[in-house]
């Protein structure tokens, strides 16, 4: 009985390790989350700087109903989705992929 329990524990440990090692490869092949026009523009303005983002939100507040609090919560996800879409488009076109990294 003791050997059986050890065998099951070893199998479970191996399964967990194999899933965790395959995780990044599977996640890289997952489709990107689509962004709307406004979300793309917010990401573009945020990449230009906080002043450009603040001006964009202020100017379009009556149209898009955005506020900086909502953007602060969602901006990292939107940037990741935009980066993923850019990488997918570059892979599809066969051009070399170059990423801009934050140097904070």
N, C-alpha and C. Protein backbone atom coordinates (compact mmCIF):
# COMPACT_ATOMS: atom_id res chain seq x y z
N UNK A 1 0.82 -1.19 0.00
CA UNK A 1 0.00 0.00 0.00
C UNK A 1 0.87 1.26 0.00
N UNK A 2 1.95 1.25 0.79
CA UNK A 2 2.83 2.41 0.88
C UNK A 2 3.50 2.69 -0.46
N UNK A 3 3.89 1.64 -1.17
CA UNK A 3 4.51 1.81 -2.48
C UNK A 3 3.51 2.39 -3.48
N UNK A 4 2.25 1.98 -3.37
CA UNK A 4 1.21 2.48 -4.25
C UNK A 4 1.00 3.99 -4.05
N UNK A 5 1.00 4.43 -2.79
CA UNK A 5 0.81 5.84 -2.48
C UNK A 5 2.00 6.65 -3.01
N UNK A 6 3.21 6.13 -2.87
CA UNK A 6 4.39 6.81 -3.39
C UNK A 6 4.34 6.91 -4.92
N UNK A 7 3.87 5.86 -5.54
CA UNK A 7 3.75 5.86 -7.00
C UNK A 7 2.76 6.92 -7.46
N UNK A 8 1.62 7.01 -6.77
CA UNK A 8 0.62 8.03 -7.12
C UNK A 8 1.16 9.44 -6.87
N UNK A 9 1.88 9.63 -5.78
CA UNK A 9 2.44 10.95 -5.48
C UNK A 9 3.47 11.34 -6.54
N UNK A 10 4.30 10.39 -6.96
CA UNK A 10 5.29 10.67 -8.00
C UNK A 10 4.63 11.01 -9.32
N UNK A 11 3.58 10.30 -9.65
CA UNK A 11 2.85 10.55 -10.89
C UNK A 11 2.20 11.94 -10.86
N UNK A 12 1.59 12.28 -9.73
CA UNK A 12 0.95 13.59 -9.61
C UNK A 12 1.98 14.71 -9.71
N UNK A 13 3.13 14.51 -9.05
CA UNK A 13 4.19 15.52 -9.12
C UNK A 13 4.70 15.70 -10.55
N UNK A 14 4.87 14.59 -11.26
CA UNK A 14 5.31 14.66 -12.65
C UNK A 14 4.29 15.36 -13.53
N UNK A 15 3.02 15.09 -13.29
CA UNK A 15 1.97 15.74 -14.08
C UNK A 15 1.95 17.24 -13.85
N UNK A 16 2.11 17.65 -12.59
CA UNK A 16 2.13 19.08 -12.27
C UNK A 16 3.32 19.76 -12.93
N UNK A 17 4.48 19.14 -12.85
CA UNK A 17 5.67 19.73 -13.48
C UNK A 17 5.54 19.81 -14.99
N UNK A 18 4.98 18.80 -15.61
CA UNK A 18 4.86 18.84 -17.06
C UNK A 18 3.87 19.90 -17.51
N UNK A 19 2.82 20.10 -16.76
CA UNK A 19 1.85 21.15 -17.11
C UNK A 19 2.47 22.53 -16.90
N UNK A 20 3.22 22.71 -15.82
CA UNK A 20 3.80 24.02 -15.56
C UNK A 20 4.90 24.36 -16.57
N UNK A 21 5.62 23.37 -17.06
CA UNK A 21 6.64 23.63 -18.06
C UNK A 21 6.04 23.93 -19.42
N UNK A 22 4.90 23.33 -19.73
CA UNK A 22 4.25 23.56 -21.02
C UNK A 22 3.43 24.83 -21.02
N UNK A 23 3.21 25.42 -19.86
CA UNK A 23 2.35 26.60 -19.74
C UNK A 23 2.74 27.76 -20.62
N UNK A 24 4.00 28.25 -20.58
CA UNK A 24 4.36 29.40 -21.40
C UNK A 24 4.24 29.14 -22.90
N UNK A 25 4.54 27.93 -23.34
CA UNK A 25 4.43 27.62 -24.76
C UNK A 25 2.98 27.63 -25.20
N UNK A 26 2.11 27.10 -24.37
CA UNK A 26 0.69 27.09 -24.70
C UNK A 26 0.14 28.51 -24.66
N UNK A 27 0.57 29.29 -23.66
CA UNK A 27 0.08 30.66 -23.55
C UNK A 27 0.55 31.51 -24.73
N UNK A 28 1.73 31.24 -25.26
CA UNK A 28 2.24 32.02 -26.39
C UNK A 28 1.43 31.77 -27.65
N UNK A 29 0.84 30.57 -27.77
CA UNK A 29 0.05 30.25 -28.95
C UNK A 29 -1.41 30.66 -28.82
N UNK A 30 -1.81 31.12 -27.63
CA UNK A 30 -3.20 31.51 -27.42
C UNK A 30 -3.49 32.77 -28.23
N UNK A 31 -4.71 32.89 -28.73
CA UNK A 31 -5.06 34.08 -29.50
C UNK A 31 -5.08 35.32 -28.61
N UNK A 32 -4.78 36.44 -29.21
CA UNK A 32 -4.73 37.70 -28.47
C UNK A 32 -6.15 38.21 -28.23
N UNK A 33 -6.30 38.92 -27.13
CA UNK A 33 -7.58 39.54 -26.83
C UNK A 33 -7.73 40.78 -27.71
N UNK A 34 -8.84 40.89 -28.40
CA UNK A 34 -9.06 42.00 -29.33
C UNK A 34 -9.31 43.30 -28.57
N UNK A 35 -8.74 44.38 -29.07
CA UNK A 35 -8.95 45.70 -28.51
C UNK A 35 -9.84 46.52 -29.42
N UNK A 36 -10.64 47.36 -28.82
CA UNK A 36 -11.45 48.29 -29.59
C UNK A 36 -10.64 49.50 -30.01
N UNK A 37 -11.24 50.35 -30.82
CA UNK A 37 -10.55 51.54 -31.32
C UNK A 37 -10.11 52.44 -30.17
N UNK A 38 -11.00 52.67 -29.22
CA UNK A 38 -10.68 53.58 -28.12
C UNK A 38 -9.56 53.01 -27.27
N UNK A 39 -9.60 51.71 -27.01
CA UNK A 39 -8.54 51.09 -26.22
C UNK A 39 -7.19 51.19 -26.92
N UNK A 40 -7.17 51.00 -28.24
CA UNK A 40 -5.92 51.16 -28.99
C UNK A 40 -5.39 52.58 -28.90
N UNK A 41 -6.29 53.56 -29.02
CA UNK A 41 -5.87 54.97 -28.93
C UNK A 41 -5.34 55.30 -27.54
N UNK A 42 -5.97 54.75 -26.50
CA UNK A 42 -5.50 54.99 -25.14
C UNK A 42 -4.09 54.43 -24.98
N UNK A 43 -3.84 53.24 -25.51
CA UNK A 43 -2.50 52.65 -25.43
C UNK A 43 -1.49 53.51 -26.18
N UNK A 44 -1.86 53.98 -27.37
CA UNK A 44 -0.97 54.85 -28.15
C UNK A 44 -0.63 56.12 -27.37
N UNK A 45 -1.64 56.73 -26.79
CA UNK A 45 -1.42 57.97 -26.04
C UNK A 45 -0.60 57.70 -24.78
N UNK A 46 -0.83 56.59 -24.12
CA UNK A 46 -0.07 56.24 -22.92
C UNK A 46 1.40 56.01 -23.27
N UNK A 47 1.66 55.44 -24.46
CA UNK A 47 3.04 55.25 -24.90
C UNK A 47 3.74 56.58 -25.18
N UNK A 48 2.96 57.60 -25.52
CA UNK A 48 3.52 58.94 -25.76
C UNK A 48 3.83 59.67 -24.46
N UNK A 49 3.19 59.25 -23.39
CA UNK A 49 3.45 59.88 -22.09
C UNK A 49 2.17 60.20 -21.35
N UNK A 50 2.31 60.49 -20.08
CA UNK A 50 1.14 60.75 -19.24
C UNK A 50 0.41 62.02 -19.65
N UNK A 51 1.14 63.02 -20.10
CA UNK A 51 0.48 64.27 -20.51
C UNK A 51 -0.39 64.06 -21.75
N UNK A 52 0.12 63.31 -22.72
CA UNK A 52 -0.66 63.01 -23.92
C UNK A 52 -1.91 62.19 -23.57
N UNK A 53 -1.75 61.25 -22.66
CA UNK A 53 -2.90 60.43 -22.24
C UNK A 53 -3.93 61.29 -21.51
N UNK A 54 -3.48 62.11 -20.60
CA UNK A 54 -4.39 62.97 -19.84
C UNK A 54 -5.13 63.93 -20.77
N UNK A 55 -4.44 64.50 -21.75
CA UNK A 55 -5.09 65.39 -22.72
C UNK A 55 -6.13 64.65 -23.54
N UNK A 56 -5.79 63.43 -23.99
CA UNK A 56 -6.72 62.65 -24.80
C UNK A 56 -7.99 62.32 -24.00
N UNK A 57 -7.81 61.91 -22.75
CA UNK A 57 -8.96 61.56 -21.92
C UNK A 57 -9.81 62.81 -21.66
N UNK A 58 -9.17 63.93 -21.40
CA UNK A 58 -9.91 65.16 -21.14
C UNK A 58 -10.69 65.61 -22.37
N UNK A 59 -10.05 65.58 -23.53
CA UNK A 59 -10.69 66.05 -24.75
C UNK A 59 -11.86 65.15 -25.16
N UNK A 60 -11.71 63.84 -24.99
CA UNK A 60 -12.74 62.91 -25.47
C UNK A 60 -13.65 62.39 -24.35
N UNK A 61 -13.63 63.03 -23.19
CA UNK A 61 -14.40 62.52 -22.05
C UNK A 61 -15.91 62.49 -22.32
N UNK A 62 -16.40 63.43 -23.08
CA UNK A 62 -17.83 63.46 -23.39
C UNK A 62 -18.24 62.41 -24.41
N UNK A 63 -17.32 61.98 -25.23
CA UNK A 63 -17.62 60.99 -26.27
C UNK A 63 -17.42 59.57 -25.76
N UNK A 64 -16.26 59.31 -25.15
CA UNK A 64 -15.91 57.94 -24.77
C UNK A 64 -16.22 57.58 -23.33
N UNK A 65 -16.56 58.56 -22.51
CA UNK A 65 -16.90 58.33 -21.11
C UNK A 65 -15.77 57.61 -20.36
N UNK A 66 -14.54 58.03 -20.58
CA UNK A 66 -13.39 57.46 -19.89
C UNK A 66 -12.99 58.35 -18.73
N UNK A 67 -12.40 57.73 -17.72
CA UNK A 67 -11.74 58.50 -16.68
C UNK A 67 -10.41 57.82 -16.36
N UNK A 68 -9.51 58.56 -15.76
CA UNK A 68 -8.16 58.07 -15.52
C UNK A 68 -8.16 56.87 -14.56
N UNK A 69 -9.11 56.81 -13.65
CA UNK A 69 -9.19 55.67 -12.73
C UNK A 69 -9.47 54.38 -13.47
N UNK A 70 -10.40 54.42 -14.41
CA UNK A 70 -10.72 53.23 -15.21
C UNK A 70 -9.53 52.83 -16.07
N UNK A 71 -8.87 53.80 -16.63
CA UNK A 71 -7.71 53.52 -17.49
C UNK A 71 -6.57 52.93 -16.67
N UNK A 72 -6.35 53.46 -15.47
CA UNK A 72 -5.27 52.96 -14.62
C UNK A 72 -5.45 51.49 -14.30
N UNK A 73 -6.69 51.06 -14.12
CA UNK A 73 -6.97 49.66 -13.80
C UNK A 73 -6.74 48.76 -15.02
N UNK A 74 -7.07 49.23 -16.20
CA UNK A 74 -7.08 48.40 -17.41
C UNK A 74 -5.87 48.56 -18.31
N UNK A 75 -5.06 49.57 -18.12
CA UNK A 75 -4.02 49.91 -19.10
C UNK A 75 -3.00 48.79 -19.29
N UNK A 76 -2.57 48.13 -18.24
CA UNK A 76 -1.59 47.06 -18.39
C UNK A 76 -2.12 45.92 -19.25
N UNK A 77 -3.38 45.55 -19.05
CA UNK A 77 -3.99 44.50 -19.88
C UNK A 77 -4.11 44.94 -21.33
N UNK A 78 -4.49 46.19 -21.54
CA UNK A 78 -4.63 46.71 -22.90
C UNK A 78 -3.27 46.74 -23.61
N UNK A 79 -2.23 47.15 -22.87
CA UNK A 79 -0.89 47.17 -23.47
C UNK A 79 -0.43 45.75 -23.83
N UNK A 80 -0.69 44.79 -22.96
CA UNK A 80 -0.31 43.41 -23.25
C UNK A 80 -1.06 42.88 -24.47
N UNK A 81 -2.33 43.21 -24.59
CA UNK A 81 -3.10 42.78 -25.75
C UNK A 81 -2.60 43.44 -27.03
N UNK A 82 -2.26 44.72 -26.95
CA UNK A 82 -1.74 45.43 -28.13
C UNK A 82 -0.40 44.83 -28.54
N UNK A 83 0.46 44.52 -27.57
CA UNK A 83 1.77 43.92 -27.87
C UNK A 83 1.59 42.54 -28.49
N UNK A 84 0.65 41.77 -27.97
CA UNK A 84 0.37 40.44 -28.49
C UNK A 84 -0.13 40.52 -29.93
N UNK A 85 -1.04 41.46 -30.20
CA UNK A 85 -1.56 41.62 -31.56
C UNK A 85 -0.46 42.05 -32.52
N UNK A 86 0.43 42.91 -32.06
CA UNK A 86 1.53 43.36 -32.91
C UNK A 86 2.47 42.20 -33.23
N UNK A 87 2.79 41.39 -32.24
CA UNK A 87 3.65 40.23 -32.46
C UNK A 87 3.00 39.23 -33.41
N UNK A 88 1.71 38.99 -33.24
CA UNK A 88 1.00 38.06 -34.12
C UNK A 88 0.99 38.55 -35.55
N UNK A 89 0.80 39.86 -35.74
CA UNK A 89 0.80 40.42 -37.09
C UNK A 89 2.19 40.32 -37.73
N UNK A 90 3.22 40.56 -36.93
CA UNK A 90 4.58 40.48 -37.47
C UNK A 90 4.97 39.03 -37.78
N UNK A 91 4.53 38.10 -36.95
CA UNK A 91 4.79 36.68 -37.24
C UNK A 91 4.09 36.25 -38.51
N UNK A 92 2.86 36.73 -38.70
CA UNK A 92 2.09 36.35 -39.89
C UNK A 92 2.71 36.92 -41.15
N UNK A 93 3.31 38.11 -41.05
CA UNK A 93 3.91 38.72 -42.24
C UNK A 93 5.32 38.20 -42.50
N UNK A 94 5.92 37.54 -41.52
CA UNK A 94 7.25 36.97 -41.70
C UNK A 94 8.38 37.95 -41.48
N UNK A 95 8.06 39.16 -41.04
CA UNK A 95 9.10 40.15 -40.76
C UNK A 95 9.72 39.88 -39.39
N UNK A 96 10.94 40.33 -39.18
CA UNK A 96 11.55 40.15 -37.86
C UNK A 96 10.77 40.89 -36.79
N UNK A 97 10.72 40.30 -35.62
CA UNK A 97 9.96 40.86 -34.51
C UNK A 97 10.90 41.65 -33.61
N UNK A 98 10.55 42.91 -33.37
CA UNK A 98 11.33 43.75 -32.46
C UNK A 98 10.36 44.34 -31.43
N UNK A 99 10.70 44.21 -30.16
CA UNK A 99 9.85 44.73 -29.10
C UNK A 99 10.49 45.93 -28.43
N UNK A 100 9.67 46.89 -28.10
CA UNK A 100 10.14 48.01 -27.29
C UNK A 100 9.93 47.62 -25.83
N UNK A 101 10.93 47.81 -25.02
CA UNK A 101 10.81 47.44 -23.61
C UNK A 101 10.78 48.70 -22.77
N UNK A 102 10.05 48.62 -21.68
CA UNK A 102 10.01 49.73 -20.72
C UNK A 102 11.34 49.76 -19.99
N UNK A 103 11.90 50.91 -19.85
CA UNK A 103 13.17 51.05 -19.15
C UNK A 103 12.95 51.90 -17.90
N UNK A 104 12.07 51.41 -17.07
CA UNK A 104 11.77 52.14 -15.83
C UNK A 104 12.59 51.63 -14.71
